[in-house]
C-alpha atoms as a PDB file:
ATOM      1  CA  MET A   1     136.385 -82.468  42.198  1.00  0.00           C
ATOM      2  CA  SER A   2     137.824 -85.363  40.281  1.00  0.00           C
ATOM      3  CA  PRO A   3     136.504 -88.879  40.831  1.00  0.00           C
ATOM      4  CA  LYS A   4     140.156 -89.770  41.452  1.00  0.00           C
ATOM      5  CA  ASN A   5     140.496 -87.732  44.678  1.00  0.00           C
ATOM      6  CA  LEU A   6     137.764 -89.137  46.875  1.00  0.00           C
ATOM      7  CA  LYS A   7     137.769 -89.794  50.614  1.00  0.00           C
ATOM      8  CA  TYR A   8     134.915 -92.314  50.978  1.00  0.00           C
ATOM      9  CA  ASN A   9     134.724 -93.828  47.490  1.00  0.00           C
ATOM     10  CA  TYR A  10     136.867 -94.852  44.610  1.00  0.00           C
ATOM     11  CA  TYR A  11     135.604 -94.546  41.076  1.00  0.00           C
ATOM     12  CA  GLU A  12     136.414 -97.231  38.535  1.00  0.00           C
ATOM     13  CA  GLY A  13     134.755 -97.712  35.167  1.00  0.00           C
ATOM     14  CA  ASP A  14     131.358 -96.222  35.873  1.00  0.00           C
ATOM     15  CA  ILE A  15     130.987 -97.439  39.463  1.00  0.00           C
ATOM     16  CA  PHE A  16     131.488 -95.703  42.800  1.00  0.00           C
ATOM     17  CA  PHE A  17     132.953 -98.356  45.097  1.00  0.00           C
ATOM     18  CA  ILE A  18     133.299 -98.157  48.864  1.00  0.00           C
ATOM     19  CA  ASN A  19     136.936 -97.517  49.790  1.00  0.00           C
ATOM     20  CA  LYS A  20     138.589-100.796  50.673  1.00  0.00           C
ATOM     21  CA  ASP A  21     139.656 -99.577  54.126  1.00  0.00           C
ATOM     22  CA  GLN A  22     136.013 -98.902  55.008  1.00  0.00           C
ATOM     23  CA  LYS A  23     134.736-102.347  54.067  1.00  0.00           C
ATOM     24  CA  ILE A  24     133.935-104.870  56.756  1.00  0.00           C
ATOM     25  CA  GLU A  25     135.035-108.456  56.307  1.00  0.00           C
ATOM     26  CA  GLY A  26     132.147-110.892  56.053  1.00  0.00           C
ATOM     27  CA  VAL A  27     129.629-108.259  54.934  1.00  0.00           C
ATOM     28  CA  LEU A  28     127.844-108.772  51.616  1.00  0.00           C
ATOM     29  CA  TYR A  29     128.271-106.093  48.935  1.00  0.00           C
ATOM     30  CA  ALA A  30     126.627-105.457  45.578  1.00  0.00           C
ATOM     31  CA  VAL A  31     126.422-102.774  42.910  1.00  0.00           C
ATOM     32  CA  ALA A  32     123.157-100.963  42.271  1.00  0.00           C
ATOM     33  CA  ARG A  33     122.794 -99.498  38.771  1.00  0.00           C
ATOM     34  CA  MET A  34     120.861 -96.258  38.320  1.00  0.00           C
ATOM     35  CA  ASN A  35     120.880 -92.947  36.504  1.00  0.00           C
ATOM     36  CA  LYS A  36     122.140 -89.703  38.024  1.00  0.00           C
ATOM     37  CA  GLN A  37     118.649 -88.473  38.924  1.00  0.00           C
ATOM     38  CA  GLN A  38     117.844 -91.714  40.737  1.00  0.00           C
ATOM     39  CA  LEU A  39     121.156 -91.575  42.583  1.00  0.00           C
ATOM     40  CA  LYS A  40     120.330 -88.038  43.700  1.00  0.00           C
ATOM     41  CA  GLY A  41     116.945 -89.373  44.851  1.00  0.00           C
ATOM     42  CA  ILE A  42     118.701 -91.954  47.036  1.00  0.00           C
ATOM     43  CA  VAL A  43     120.835 -89.184  48.552  1.00  0.00           C
ATOM     44  CA  GLU A  44     117.685 -87.123  49.188  1.00  0.00           C
ATOM     45  CA  CYS A  45     115.956 -90.126  50.775  1.00  0.00           C
ATOM     46  CA  VAL A  46     118.838 -90.781  53.188  1.00  0.00           C
ATOM     47  CA  ASP A  47     119.046 -87.078  54.001  1.00  0.00           C
ATOM     48  CA  LEU A  48     115.319 -87.007  54.785  1.00  0.00           C
ATOM     49  CA  THR A  49     115.600 -90.182  56.855  1.00  0.00           C
ATOM     50  CA  VAL A  50     118.287 -88.609  59.066  1.00  0.00           C
ATOM     51  CA  ALA A  51     116.053 -85.574  59.588  1.00  0.00           C
ATOM     52  CA  ALA A  52     113.046 -87.756  60.450  1.00  0.00           C
ATOM     53  CA  TYR A  53     112.064 -88.141  64.054  1.00  0.00           C
ATOM     54  CA  PRO A  54     112.130 -90.567  65.684  1.00  0.00           C
ATOM     55  CA  ILE A  55     114.363 -93.134  64.043  1.00  0.00           C
ATOM     56  CA  PRO A  56     116.448 -95.727  65.868  1.00  0.00           C
ATOM     57  CA  ARG A  57     119.664 -94.284  67.288  1.00  0.00           C
ATOM     58  CA  ASN A  58     121.902 -96.894  65.644  1.00  0.00           C
ATOM     59  CA  LEU A  59     120.290 -96.155  62.259  1.00  0.00           C
ATOM     60  CA  ARG A  60     120.839 -92.414  62.685  1.00  0.00           C
ATOM     61  CA  GLU A  61     124.500 -92.996  63.599  1.00  0.00           C
ATOM     62  CA  ARG A  62     125.090 -95.255  60.576  1.00  0.00           C
ATOM     63  CA  LEU A  63     123.424 -92.797  58.225  1.00  0.00           C
ATOM     64  CA  GLU A  64     125.178 -89.709  59.621  1.00  0.00           C
ATOM     65  CA  ASN A  65     128.635 -91.239  60.016  1.00  0.00           C
ATOM     66  CA  ILE A  66     128.906 -93.744  57.174  1.00  0.00           C
ATOM     67  CA  LEU A  67     126.315 -93.548  54.413  1.00  0.00           C
ATOM     68  CA  LEU A  68     125.585 -89.815  54.120  1.00  0.00           C
ATOM     69  CA  PRO A  69     129.210 -88.635  53.902  1.00  0.00           C
ATOM     70  CA  ARG A  70     129.775 -91.165  51.126  1.00  0.00           C
ATOM     71  CA  LEU A  71     126.580 -90.226  49.273  1.00  0.00           C
ATOM     72  CA  TYR A  72     127.267 -86.481  49.624  1.00  0.00           C
ATOM     73  CA  GLU A  73     130.694 -87.060  48.112  1.00  0.00           C
ATOM     74  CA  ILE A  74     129.138 -88.885  45.147  1.00  0.00           C
ATOM     75  CA  LYS A  75     126.501 -86.166  44.718  1.00  0.00           C
ATOM     76  CA  ASP A  76     129.222 -83.494  44.708  1.00  0.00           C
ATOM     77  CA  VAL A  77     131.027 -85.379  41.938  1.00  0.00           C
ATOM     78  CA  LEU A  78     127.792 -85.694  39.948  1.00  0.00           C
ATOM     79  CA  ASP A  79     127.121 -81.970  40.315  1.00  0.00           C
ATOM     80  CA  THR A  80     130.626 -80.906  39.267  1.00  0.00           C
ATOM     81  CA  ASP A  81     131.827 -83.496  36.745  1.00  0.00           C
ATOM     82  CA  LYS A  82     129.509 -83.359  33.743  1.00  0.00           C
ATOM     83  CA  SER A  83     131.664 -85.870  31.832  1.00  0.00           C
ATOM     84  CA  LEU A  84     130.355 -88.814  33.882  1.00  0.00           C
ATOM     85  CA  PRO A  85     127.928 -91.136  32.103  1.00  0.00           C
ATOM     86  CA  ASN A  86     124.227 -90.807  32.963  1.00  0.00           C
ATOM     87  CA  ASN A  87     123.988 -94.427  34.162  1.00  0.00           C
ATOM     88  CA  LEU A  88     126.256 -95.288  37.066  1.00  0.00           C
ATOM     89  CA  GLY A  89     126.776 -97.969  39.633  1.00  0.00           C
ATOM     90  CA  ILE A  90     127.123 -97.547  43.363  1.00  0.00           C
ATOM     91  CA  GLU A  91     128.396-100.269  45.640  1.00  0.00           C
ATOM     92  CA  LEU A  92     126.232-100.866  48.699  1.00  0.00           C
ATOM     93  CA  SER A  93     126.435-103.242  51.617  1.00  0.00           C
ATOM     94  CA  LYS A  94     123.471-105.314  52.725  1.00  0.00           C
ATOM     95  CA  LEU A  95     123.150-102.999  55.741  1.00  0.00           C
ATOM     96  CA  ASN A  96     123.215 -99.913  53.458  1.00  0.00           C
ATOM     97  CA  GLN A  97     120.376-101.476  51.489  1.00  0.00           C
ATOM     98  CA  GLU A  98     118.303-102.034  54.643  1.00  0.00           C
ATOM     99  CA  ASP A  99     118.965 -98.483  55.852  1.00  0.00           C
ATOM    100  CA  ILE A 100     117.920 -96.940  52.526  1.00  0.00           C
ATOM    101  CA  LEU A 101     114.798 -99.122  52.384  1.00  0.00           C
ATOM    102  CA  TYR A 102     113.880 -97.964  55.893  1.00  0.00           C
ATOM    103  CA  GLY A 103     113.523 -94.440  54.506  1.00  0.00           C
ATOM    104  CA  LEU A 104     111.861 -95.512  51.268  1.00  0.00           C
ATOM    105  CA  ASP A 105     109.236 -97.439  53.246  1.00  0.00           C
ATOM    106  CA  SER A 106     108.190 -94.322  55.167  1.00  0.00           C
ATOM    107  CA  THR A 107     105.035 -92.768  53.711  1.00  0.00           C
ATOM    108  CA  SER A 108     106.070 -89.285  54.869  1.00  0.00           C
ATOM    109  CA  ILE A 109     109.467 -89.595  53.162  1.00  0.00           C
ATOM    110  CA  GLN A 110     107.802 -90.995  50.024  1.00  0.00           C
ATOM    111  CA  LYS A 111     105.526 -87.961  49.951  1.00  0.00           C
ATOM    112  CA  LEU A 112     108.467 -85.547  50.303  1.00  0.00           C
ATOM    113  CA  LEU A 113     110.409 -87.357  47.564  1.00  0.00           C
ATOM    114  CA  ILE A 114     107.443 -87.053  45.198  1.00  0.00           C
ATOM    115  CA  GLU A 115     107.165 -83.327  45.999  1.00  0.00           C
ATOM    116  CA  ARG A 116     110.871 -82.957  45.103  1.00  0.00           C
ATOM    117  CA  GLY A 117     110.485 -84.727  41.770  1.00  0.00           C
ATOM    118  CA  PHE A 118     111.645 -88.248  42.627  1.00  0.00           C
ATOM    119  CA  GLU A 119     109.846 -91.571  42.162  1.00  0.00           C
ATOM    120  CA  PRO A 120     110.065 -93.468  45.472  1.00  0.00           C
ATOM    121  CA  GLY A 121     108.541 -96.643  43.988  1.00  0.00           C
ATOM    122  CA  LYS A 122     111.199 -96.809  41.299  1.00  0.00           C
ATOM    123  CA  LEU A 123     113.955 -96.033  43.826  1.00  0.00           C
ATOM    124  CA  ARG A 124     112.646 -98.768  46.105  1.00  0.00           C
ATOM    125  CA  SER A 125     112.714-101.286  43.243  1.00  0.00           C
ATOM    126  CA  LEU A 126     116.279-100.336  42.330  1.00  0.00           C
ATOM    127  CA  VAL A 127     117.490-100.788  45.890  1.00  0.00           C
ATOM    128  CA  SER A 128     115.418-103.814  46.927  1.00  0.00           C
ATOM    129  CA  TYR A 129     116.314-106.006  43.939  1.00  0.00           C
ATOM    130  CA  ILE A 130     120.086-105.799  44.351  1.00  0.00           C
ATOM    131  CA  LYS A 131     121.795-109.209  44.159  1.00  0.00           C
ATOM    132  CA  PHE A 132     124.415-109.594  46.892  1.00  0.00           C
ATOM    133  CA  ILE A 133     127.442-111.879  46.573  1.00  0.00           C
END
């Protein structure tokens, strides 16, 4: 899969941006910088959050219908295109940030992330300190 043929993202420079037709006017966006392993940890966190029970219905719908398809697409690119740099950017909305932090704040999800080789504290710092414009 080439970063050029994406459904939910477009790749420019070293950043995965949200496709323009999926952006909402008036919503704040920012780019989070992280390495490939950390990005895979974010995908794992969101995946675990969707599987968690119970979570608010609107959160589950946002994760399943908006954020996860986009993150899975990015993860597929990372797994197949070894020419990408190790440090990448991913554009997130303020709501994406809140949804990811919801999972990272769960002690059970933190525990599962640690078991799978991820550092939830570091992931939380990366996501929580994003500067929105």
